[in-house]
Amino acid sequence: MATERTMSTTWRGTLMDGSGTIHEAGSGAFGALDVSWASRAEEPNGKTSPEELIAAAHSACFSMALSHALAQAGTPADQLDTTATVTFVPGTGITKIALTVRGTVPGLDEEGFVEAAEGAKVGCPVSKALAGVPEITLDASLA
């Protein structure tokens, strides 16, 4: 069954001088988040950015995809710690995403873990949605 998730933002002012609020998640998982150009292109100062939210979505989706692949292969993970770092260049856009994962997977060797992680990198729905990003790297190893 298909699911839909919706978020909304209110923006006031110009790009450089304005600011916005990403409204509370419909799921109730988090409240309103402040966003501004400065938080995107300079220092966050307590505000978020689209790239930070993309990093959160990518790290979660990748972790889910890898967890599923490992379980399907008969070697479920005890733990996966994933970080996604999104590089944003003003005037250019998102130029790189770096995924890093450390896993505790009983019964699996390093080569098998890296292979499963590469598959998750390509196959997770967020990776597919971000296919236009010029570079997505992966650093995967067992903890």
Foldseek 3Di string as FASTA:
>chain_A
DDDDWDWDKDWDDDQQPIKIWTAQGPVNPDGIFIGHNCCVAPNVPRGHYPQVVLFVVLQVLLVVQLQVLCVVVVWGWPDKDKGWDWDADPPPGTAEIEIEIETHTPPDAFVRSVVSSVCSCCPGPSNVVVVVHNYYYYHYGYD
